[in-house]
Amino acid sequence: LAPRCGWVLPGLEQRLPVPAVASPAAARPYAAAAKNAKKDAKRSRQEKVKDTPRPRRRPLMTKPVDDVYLTWLYRRPSYELEQAVGMLKKFQELDFTCPKQFVYVNVFLDMALQKKKKVDPFSSSVVLPHRFTDEVNKVLVFTENEQEAEVAREHGAAVVGGVELIKWILEDEIQADFYVAVPAIIPKLIPLRNKLKRKYPSTRRNSLGSDIPKMLQFFRECHEYAVEDENVIKTRIARLDMPTEHIIANLKTIIHDICTFKPSNYDPIVRRLVIRSSTSEGLQLNLDGILPQVEKAEEKEGKNAVDEDQQKPVQESVST
């Protein structure tokens, strides 16, 4: 039998040689040194980045002196609402563009609430005081009552029917801008909940009720808007050839409706407002006078306390 490597046999003065196993470092003598050098170089670069001061950005100037200037060196000017609308009308005259183009507004929102909570992206519908388009929304009415169906057709419903419409809606054979239903049929419409999502009839959206003429009048003429990219609303509000006061009234109506989606004890939900037409640049608006005036809870409590203090002496004098 062959002896194991490294054993000393009787009668032999020499130990059998043990075969040496080459280590990775010995096989590549320069690998470890190169790796350490890379680490040192990376560490030195990081230290240099920390030591070098960051370039200080030049503070923005308020108002340019000349007509031609670099926009990124100056703060973006903000205009009063009436002044901005007048500028849009002037741009249209100077550019010889269509006077009946739409006026758009971009609303940048502050969705933050207490701690890490946020306002969920929402959509809403509002009737503007001054209509700017002849388009009428297509409204579908769910009802199985023949009398209610006849009333819906008389008041301009595009489609009227019962559970037989579910199959056609799921297969995209029938589509509408808004869906209205009476309470009696709502339990049978559950298969449409995932399909319609936000357009599913509900009392919160005033699309579920017994007053079919009132619901049809609202949804056929209403203007719908929705939050995009988590905190921006982009929607049209008027036509440029409308009177300035009509454009302002439409904008304020939409802004006041947006402000209802955040409690008044937090910061205003509208953070920035930009108005533009189809062919013009955007003009940033001054929010003073546009946002609804809401008294803070602390101010109300203070006023109530003052009123109570004023009433106490009167009551004491009466009791005496």
Foldseek 3Di string as FASTA:
>chain_A
DDDDQQDDDPPDPDGHDDDDDDDPCNVPVCVVVVVVVVVVVVVVVVVVVVPDDDDDDDDADDDDDDPDDDVVNHDADAAALLVVLVVQQVVCVVVVHDQFFFKKKKFFWDQDDPDRDGQFWDKAKDFFPDDADPAWWAEEEEDDDPVVQVVLVVLPHNYYYYLVCQVCVVVVVDDTPAYAYEVVRLVSCVVCCVVCPVRRADVVRPRYHDPNNVNRVRRGRIDMWIDDPGGMIMDTFHTSNDDSVSSLRSQLRVQAVVQVSDDPQDDGGGDWMWMHTPPDDIHTHDCVPRHDDDDHPVVVVVVVVVVVVVVVVVVVVVVD
